[in-house]
Amino acid sequence: MPYQQDSPSPSMHWNVMGSAVSSRGATLVFILFTYLLIVRALRYRRMKKLEHSFGYGTRKPLGEMTLDDAAAILLELSEMEFPFSFLNSTQFALFRTYGIPTVSSLLVSTNQITSPETVSKRLVDTGVLMFEIWGRAPTSTRWLESVARMNYIHGMYQKAGKISNDDMLHSLSFFAGEPFKWISRYEWRNLSDMEVAALGTSGRVWARRCRLTSAVYQATEKAGKMEVTGLKRLWLGPKKKPSPVFFTFTETALAFRRLFLRHLALPRPEMWRSRYLEDEANEFGRFNLKMYGGLPIYVKPTFAWRWNIQAWLFWALGKPIPGDGGNKYIPQGYNIHEVGPRSMAGKGLNAAADLREKMLQRGRCPFRA
């Protein structure tokens, strides 16, 4: 009788499969655990590197922070650590200035918020000046020209008695304070003492260069009351409040983003540095933007910009993309002395030279004793 091999029983078959599944599961758990450890080890490395490189709060007092060091720290924060919060807080700070009664009245009387085009242009111009200041050394030509341009635009309205020193102070406090608030509320980590000092140093310098008589970090109850009053002025007719569902969805999405970045996302590599502005002038001697969220103002209509995913999405929604409208969206780029209302383009060219002569070579942090 020939030998007949017994076939494996069903129980043995399931045992083998269960063992294989268990082995795979253990491998996946090990890989996930290892990945989480790697994220944890690398996530805070940039913050520690900044603290080691500059040494404020450890080797040196925070009060001895220089303007150049503050600018270098803010550059890393705005382009590598928290680009989302820096960009959006700047836009939100601009919106909050509309809550100052004199500012909102001035914007309405000068037709600066009467159409989507003018609103977008003002938003982009404000972002240009703010990121030119955040991303440059205080002794650089572009930093000086940007602060001088800001002084010139607001100085014209101050001389005409349309805005006051307090209005300027409140506006500046929004731009200096909103990044801190957004990072504290929405980002994956809080700012270190040294990073807070960098924001304070930068805000103090803005106040000086804008010739404000009060310190930028003074918070007053009056500012909040003015903001509420001004927003009521801009409330043109009855409007529905946003749905609680929308608010809850937004807060949930931002909370999920915070947890994802903290525990699951590796640090942003240098090749993905988030740049808002071009460092080098183009063939027209102007500078282009490297991102946009509304109208493609100052964006060069390259092949990449016209055929990327964002362009296809905007096209599907009927929104303009870079290159549309001819010169309507100024694809040649911007010159700093032309940023702002079109009526002021090219004016105030001597302001940067005057500022260079008058500016201090070294600044101090507002937290000094």
Protein backbone atom coordinates (compact mmCIF):
# COMPACT_ATOMS: atom_id res chain seq x y z
CA MET A 1 0.00 0.00 0.00
CA PRO A 2 1.61 3.29 -1.05
CA TYR A 3 2.50 5.85 1.66
CA GLN A 4 -0.09 8.66 1.90
CA GLN A 5 0.93 11.93 3.57
CA ASP A 6 -1.64 13.40 5.87
CA SER A 7 -2.92 16.84 4.80
CA PRO A 8 -2.58 19.64 7.35
CA SER A 9 -5.62 20.13 9.48
CA PRO A 10 -7.63 23.41 9.33
CA SER A 11 -6.52 24.27 12.85
CA MET A 12 -2.84 24.08 11.83
CA HIS A 13 -3.57 26.30 8.81
CA TRP A 14 -5.16 29.01 10.94
CA ASN A 15 -2.37 28.81 13.49
CA VAL A 16 0.19 29.52 10.77
CA MET A 17 -1.84 32.43 9.44
CA GLY A 18 -2.35 33.83 12.92
CA SER A 19 1.35 33.61 13.62
CA ALA A 20 2.15 35.47 10.40
CA VAL A 21 -0.41 38.20 11.16
CA SER A 22 0.90 38.53 14.70
CA SER A 23 4.46 38.82 13.40
CA ARG A 24 3.46 41.53 10.92
CA GLY A 25 1.56 43.39 13.62
CA ALA A 26 4.55 43.33 15.94
CA THR A 27 6.77 44.58 13.10
CA LEU A 28 4.38 47.46 12.33
CA VAL A 29 4.18 48.42 16.00
CA PHE A 30 7.98 48.39 16.22
CA ILE A 31 8.31 50.56 13.08
CA LEU A 32 5.68 53.01 14.33
CA PHE A 33 7.29 53.23 17.77
CA THR A 34 10.71 53.78 16.21
CA TYR A 35 9.31 56.48 13.93
CA LEU A 36 7.70 58.28 16.87
CA LEU A 37 11.02 58.23 18.70
CA ILE A 38 12.79 59.67 15.64
CA VAL A 39 10.19 62.43 15.35
CA ARG A 40 10.56 63.20 19.05
CA ALA A 41 14.35 63.32 18.77
CA LEU A 42 14.36 65.60 15.69
CA ARG A 43 11.28 67.78 16.22
CA TYR A 44 12.88 70.16 18.74
CA ARG A 45 16.35 70.08 17.26
CA ARG A 46 16.00 73.41 15.43
CA MET A 47 14.86 75.19 18.59
CA LYS A 48 17.79 73.75 20.54
CA LYS A 49 20.17 74.69 17.73
CA LEU A 50 18.95 78.30 17.83
CA GLU A 51 19.35 78.43 21.59
CA HIS A 52 22.85 76.99 21.34
CA SER A 53 23.88 79.29 18.47
CA PHE A 54 22.70 82.56 20.03
CA GLY A 55 22.82 81.69 23.73
CA TYR A 56 20.34 84.28 24.94
CA GLY A 57 18.83 83.28 28.26
CA THR A 58 21.73 80.91 28.98
CA ARG A 59 25.14 82.37 28.17
CA LYS A 60 23.86 85.92 27.58
CA PRO A 61 20.98 87.90 29.11
CA LEU A 62 17.87 88.32 26.96
CA GLY A 63 18.28 92.08 27.36
CA GLU A 64 21.48 92.04 25.31
CA MET A 65 19.83 90.70 22.17
CA THR A 66 20.95 92.61 19.08
CA LEU A 67 18.75 93.58 16.16
CA ASP A 68 20.67 91.36 13.76
CA ASP A 69 20.27 88.33 16.03
CA ALA A 70 16.56 89.02 16.51
CA ALA A 71 16.11 89.21 12.73
CA ALA A 72 17.97 85.92 12.20
CA ILE A 73 15.81 84.18 14.82
CA LEU A 74 12.58 85.53 13.32
CA LEU A 75 13.68 84.41 9.86
CA GLU A 76 13.98 80.82 11.06
CA LEU A 77 10.64 81.01 12.85
CA SER A 78 8.76 82.49 9.88
CA GLU A 79 10.29 80.27 7.19
CA MET A 80 11.09 76.97 8.90
CA GLU A 81 9.31 76.52 12.22
CA PHE A 82 5.96 78.34 11.91
CA PRO A 83 5.39 79.65 8.36
CA PHE A 84 1.65 78.90 8.58
CA SER A 85 1.15 81.02 11.69
CA PHE A 86 3.38 83.89 10.60
CA LEU A 87 1.60 84.27 7.26
CA ASN A 88 -1.93 83.93 8.62
CA SER A 89 -1.32 86.04 11.72
CA THR A 90 -0.05 88.85 9.49
CA GLN A 91 -3.25 88.74 7.47
CA PHE A 92 -5.37 88.59 10.61
CA ALA A 93 -3.45 91.50 12.16
CA LEU A 94 -4.28 93.56 9.08
CA PHE A 95 -7.95 92.70 9.52
CA ARG A 96 -7.80 93.77 13.17
CA THR A 97 -6.54 97.21 12.19
CA TYR A 98 -9.87 97.70 10.47
CA GLY A 99 -11.35 97.74 13.97
CA ILE A 100 -9.68 101.06 14.79
CA PRO A 101 -12.37 103.69 14.02
CA THR A 102 -10.06 106.26 12.45
CA VAL A 103 -8.33 103.60 10.35
CA SER A 104 -11.58 102.10 9.09
CA SER A 105 -12.95 105.57 8.27
CA LEU A 106 -9.75 106.41 6.38
CA LEU A 107 -9.87 103.16 4.41
CA VAL A 108 -13.46 103.79 3.38
CA SER A 109 -12.81 107.41 2.39
CA THR A 110 -9.76 106.45 0.30
CA ASN A 111 -11.52 103.50 -1.38
CA GLN A 112 -9.00 101.00 -0.01
CA ILE A 113 -11.61 98.40 0.98
CA THR A 114 -14.29 98.97 -1.63
CA SER A 115 -13.47 96.12 -4.04
CA PRO A 116 -11.82 92.68 -3.97
CA GLU A 117 -8.92 94.04 -6.04
CA THR A 118 -8.06 96.89 -3.65
CA VAL A 119 -8.50 94.70 -0.58
CA SER A 120 -6.21 92.02 -2.05
CA LYS A 121 -3.64 94.62 -3.13
CA ARG A 122 -3.53 96.12 0.35
CA LEU A 123 -3.20 92.67 1.92
CA VAL A 124 -0.34 91.72 -0.39
CA ASP A 125 1.45 95.06 0.05
CA THR A 126 1.23 94.75 3.83
CA GLY A 127 2.64 91.22 3.62
CA VAL A 128 5.49 92.41 1.42
CA LEU A 129 6.55 95.13 3.87
CA MET A 130 6.17 92.89 6.93
CA PHE A 131 8.16 90.00 5.47
CA GLU A 132 10.81 92.36 4.13
CA ILE A 133 11.23 93.55 7.72
CA TRP A 134 11.05 90.09 9.29
CA GLY A 135 13.37 88.47 6.79
CA ARG A 136 16.18 91.03 6.52
CA ALA A 137 19.00 92.27 8.70
CA PRO A 138 18.17 95.72 10.15
CA THR A 139 21.19 97.20 8.38
CA SER A 140 20.23 95.86 4.95
CA THR A 141 18.98 98.13 2.17
CA ARG A 142 15.68 96.31 1.77
CA TRP A 143 14.95 96.47 5.52
CA LEU A 144 15.63 100.19 5.58
CA GLU A 145 13.60 100.84 2.46
CA SER A 146 10.65 98.85 3.82
CA VAL A 147 10.56 100.67 7.15
CA ALA A 148 11.02 103.98 5.33
CA ARG A 149 8.16 103.11 2.98
CA MET A 150 5.91 102.28 5.91
CA ASN A 151 6.86 105.57 7.57
CA TYR A 152 6.16 107.55 4.42
CA ILE A 153 2.72 106.04 3.75
CA HIS A 154 1.50 106.48 7.31
CA GLY A 155 3.31 109.79 7.75
CA MET A 156 1.25 111.36 4.99
CA TYR A 157 -1.96 110.46 6.81
CA GLN A 158 -0.54 111.57 10.16
CA LYS A 159 0.40 114.97 8.80
CA ALA A 160 -3.13 115.33 7.45
CA GLY A 161 -4.50 114.53 10.91
CA LYS A 162 -6.33 111.41 9.73
CA ILE A 163 -4.52 108.96 12.02
CA SER A 164 -2.82 109.52 15.37
CA ASN A 165 0.20 108.17 17.20
CA ASP A 166 -2.14 105.94 19.23
CA ASP A 167 -3.65 104.56 16.02
CA MET A 168 -0.18 103.67 14.79
CA LEU A 169 0.72 102.11 18.14
CA HIS A 170 -2.37 99.92 18.17
CA SER A 171 -1.82 98.83 14.57
CA LEU A 172 1.81 98.00 15.26
CA SER A 173 0.91 96.06 18.41
CA PHE A 174 -1.34 93.81 16.31
CA PHE A 175 1.46 92.94 13.89
CA ALA A 176 3.95 92.41 16.70
CA GLY A 177 1.56 90.43 18.90
CA GLU A 178 -0.50 88.28 16.55
CA PRO A 179 2.33 85.86 15.63
CA PHE A 180 2.84 85.15 19.34
CA LYS A 181 -0.89 84.56 19.86
CA TRP A 182 -1.26 82.30 16.83
CA ILE A 183 1.79 80.22 17.69
CA SER A 184 0.66 79.84 21.31
CA ARG A 185 -2.81 78.74 20.26
CA TYR A 186 -2.37 76.78 17.04
CA GLU A 187 1.21 75.57 16.69
CA TRP A 188 2.86 72.34 17.75
CA ARG A 189 5.00 74.03 20.41
CA ASN A 190 5.21 77.30 22.28
CA LEU A 191 7.89 79.90 21.71
CA SER A 192 10.96 79.78 23.89
CA ASP A 193 11.93 82.79 26.02
CA MET A 194 14.62 83.67 23.50
CA GLU A 195 12.13 83.57 20.60
CA VAL A 196 9.67 85.75 22.52
CA ALA A 197 12.50 88.18 23.16
CA ALA A 198 13.25 88.27 19.42
CA LEU A 199 9.63 89.24 18.69
CA GLY A 200 9.79 91.90 21.39
CA THR A 201 13.07 93.30 20.13
CA SER A 202 11.72 93.51 16.61
CA GLY A 203 8.52 95.21 17.80
CA ARG A 204 10.49 97.73 19.81
CA VAL A 205 12.59 98.60 16.80
CA TRP A 206 9.49 99.05 14.62
CA ALA A 207 8.10 101.45 17.21
CA ARG A 208 11.30 103.48 17.18
CA ARG A 209 11.67 103.52 13.42
CA CYS A 210 8.01 104.48 13.02
CA ARG A 211 8.63 107.29 15.51
CA LEU A 212 6.00 106.15 17.98
CA THR A 213 6.19 107.71 21.42
CA SER A 214 4.87 104.70 23.36
CA ALA A 215 6.33 101.22 23.71
CA VAL A 216 4.81 98.70 21.32
CA TYR A 217 4.25 96.06 23.96
CA GLN A 218 1.96 98.21 26.12
CA ALA A 219 -1.51 96.69 26.02
CA THR A 220 -4.42 99.00 26.83
CA GLU A 221 -8.12 98.49 27.37
CA LYS A 222 -8.68 101.43 25.05
CA ALA A 223 -7.26 99.49 22.10
CA GLY A 224 -9.80 96.72 22.54
CA LYS A 225 -12.71 99.17 22.79
CA MET A 226 -11.54 100.98 19.65
CA GLU A 227 -11.33 97.70 17.77
CA VAL A 228 -14.91 96.71 18.62
CA THR A 229 -16.21 100.17 17.68
CA GLY A 230 -14.39 100.14 14.36
CA LEU A 231 -15.60 96.68 13.41
CA LYS A 232 -19.15 97.85 13.94
CA ARG A 233 -18.52 100.63 11.44
CA LEU A 234 -17.44 98.08 8.86
CA TRP A 235 -20.54 95.96 9.52
CA LEU A 236 -22.40 97.11 6.45
CA GLY A 237 -25.94 95.89 6.89
CA PRO A 238 -27.22 92.77 8.66
CA LYS A 239 -25.06 89.70 8.19
CA LYS A 240 -25.36 86.19 9.55
CA LYS A 241 -22.80 85.03 12.05
CA PRO A 242 -20.70 82.02 11.06
CA SER A 243 -22.30 78.72 11.90
CA PRO A 244 -21.11 77.05 15.13
CA VAL A 245 -20.48 73.97 13.01
CA PHE A 246 -17.95 75.92 10.93
CA PHE A 247 -16.23 77.22 14.07
CA THR A 248 -16.07 73.74 15.59
CA PHE A 249 -14.75 72.23 12.36
CA THR A 250 -12.01 74.88 12.09
CA GLU A 251 -10.92 74.51 15.70
CA THR A 252 -10.90 70.71 15.37
CA ALA A 253 -8.87 70.82 12.16
CA LEU A 254 -6.31 73.17 13.73
CA ALA A 255 -6.08 71.00 16.85
CA PHE A 256 -5.53 67.90 14.70
CA ARG A 257 -2.84 69.78 12.74
CA ARG A 258 -1.09 70.72 15.99
CA LEU A 259 -1.02 67.14 17.25
CA PHE A 260 0.02 65.75 13.87
CA LEU A 261 2.96 68.15 13.56
CA ARG A 262 4.10 67.56 17.13
CA HIS A 263 4.01 63.77 17.15
CA LEU A 264 3.98 62.50 13.55
CA ALA A 265 5.65 65.05 11.26
CA LEU A 266 9.39 65.30 10.76
CA PRO A 267 10.95 68.79 10.80
CA ARG A 268 10.75 70.82 7.59
CA PRO A 269 13.92 70.25 5.52
CA GLU A 270 15.92 73.18 4.22
CA MET A 271 14.88 72.53 0.62
CA TRP A 272 11.25 73.14 1.68
CA ARG A 273 12.00 76.48 3.31
CA SER A 274 8.84 78.58 3.04
CA ARG A 275 9.83 81.79 1.26
CA TYR A 276 7.26 84.51 0.73
CA LEU A 277 9.56 86.79 -1.27
CA GLU A 278 12.28 86.30 -3.87
CA ASP A 279 15.76 87.18 -2.65
CA GLU A 280 17.09 88.17 -6.07
CA ALA A 281 15.70 90.80 -8.41
CA ASN A 282 14.26 89.61 -11.72
CA GLU A 283 15.06 90.85 -15.22
CA PHE A 284 13.03 94.01 -14.55
CA GLY A 285 14.99 94.86 -11.42
CA ARG A 286 11.94 93.98 -9.31
CA PHE A 287 11.00 91.25 -6.86
CA ASN A 288 8.30 88.61 -7.20
CA LEU A 289 6.28 86.74 -4.60
CA LYS A 290 6.78 83.01 -4.18
CA MET A 291 3.24 82.26 -3.02
CA TYR A 292 -0.28 83.62 -3.22
CA GLY A 293 -3.66 82.78 -1.79
CA GLY A 294 -6.05 85.13 -3.55
CA LEU A 295 -5.20 87.24 -6.55
CA PRO A 296 -1.78 86.47 -8.11
CA ILE A 297 -0.37 89.94 -7.40
CA TYR A 298 3.41 90.25 -8.00
CA VAL A 299 3.62 86.56 -9.02
CA LYS A 300 5.72 85.77 -12.10
CA PRO A 301 3.70 83.74 -14.66
CA THR A 302 6.19 80.91 -15.10
CA PHE A 303 5.27 77.48 -16.45
CA ALA A 304 5.36 76.05 -12.93
CA TRP A 305 3.03 78.71 -11.55
CA ARG A 306 0.52 78.35 -14.39
CA TRP A 307 0.39 74.56 -14.43
CA ASN A 308 0.73 73.45 -10.81
CA ILE A 309 -2.07 71.97 -8.69
CA GLN A 310 -2.98 75.35 -7.19
CA ALA A 311 -3.38 76.87 -10.67
CA TRP A 312 -5.68 74.03 -11.78
CA LEU A 313 -7.77 74.43 -8.63
CA PHE A 314 -8.05 78.20 -9.07
CA TRP A 315 -8.92 77.72 -12.74
CA ALA A 316 -11.68 75.28 -11.82
CA LEU A 317 -13.07 77.81 -9.33
CA GLY A 318 -12.97 80.59 -11.91
CA LYS A 319 -10.25 82.53 -10.09
CA PRO A 320 -7.31 84.18 -11.89
CA ILE A 321 -3.93 82.48 -12.03
CA PRO A 322 -0.50 84.04 -12.67
CA GLY A 323 -0.39 85.58 -16.13
CA ASP A 324 -4.12 86.26 -16.39
CA GLY A 325 -5.22 89.84 -16.97
CA GLY A 326 -2.03 91.05 -18.65
CA ASN A 327 -0.37 93.57 -16.32
CA LYS A 328 -3.40 93.88 -14.06
CA TYR A 329 -1.76 91.91 -11.26
CA ILE A 330 1.72 93.40 -11.79
CA PRO A 331 3.51 90.16 -12.81
CA GLN A 332 6.74 92.14 -13.27
CA GLY A 333 6.99 92.29 -9.48
CA TYR A 334 7.35 95.13 -7.01
CA ASN A 335 9.78 97.84 -6.09
CA ILE A 336 9.63 98.71 -2.41
CA HIS A 337 9.21 102.43 -3.12
CA GLU A 338 6.08 101.62 -5.16
CA VAL A 339 4.40 99.34 -2.60
CA GLY A 340 1.17 100.75 -1.20
CA PRO A 341 -1.64 102.89 -2.61
CA ARG A 342 -1.19 103.56 -6.32
CA SER A 343 -1.42 107.31 -5.67
CA MET A 344 1.80 107.09 -3.62
CA ALA A 345 3.80 104.95 -6.05
CA GLY A 346 7.30 106.29 -6.58
CA LYS A 347 7.02 108.96 -3.87
CA GLY A 348 9.15 109.29 -0.75
CA LEU A 349 12.36 108.06 -2.39
CA ASN A 350 14.62 110.00 0.01
CA ALA A 351 13.12 108.42 3.12
CA ALA A 352 15.36 105.31 3.08
CA ALA A 353 18.53 107.38 2.78
CA ASP A 354 17.46 109.58 5.70
CA LEU A 355 16.64 106.55 7.81
CA ARG A 356 20.02 104.93 7.11
CA GLU A 357 21.78 108.01 8.49
CA LYS A 358 19.63 108.25 11.61
CA MET A 359 19.18 104.60 12.63
CA LEU A 360 21.05 103.16 15.58
CA GLN A 361 23.67 100.54 14.89
CA ARG A 362 22.66 98.41 17.88
CA GLY A 363 19.32 97.85 19.57
CA ARG A 364 18.23 96.29 22.81
CA CYS A 365 15.50 93.90 23.83
CA PRO A 366 12.53 95.44 25.68
CA PHE A 367 13.00 92.96 28.53
CA ARG A 368 16.23 94.54 29.71
CA ALA A 369 16.32 95.67 33.32
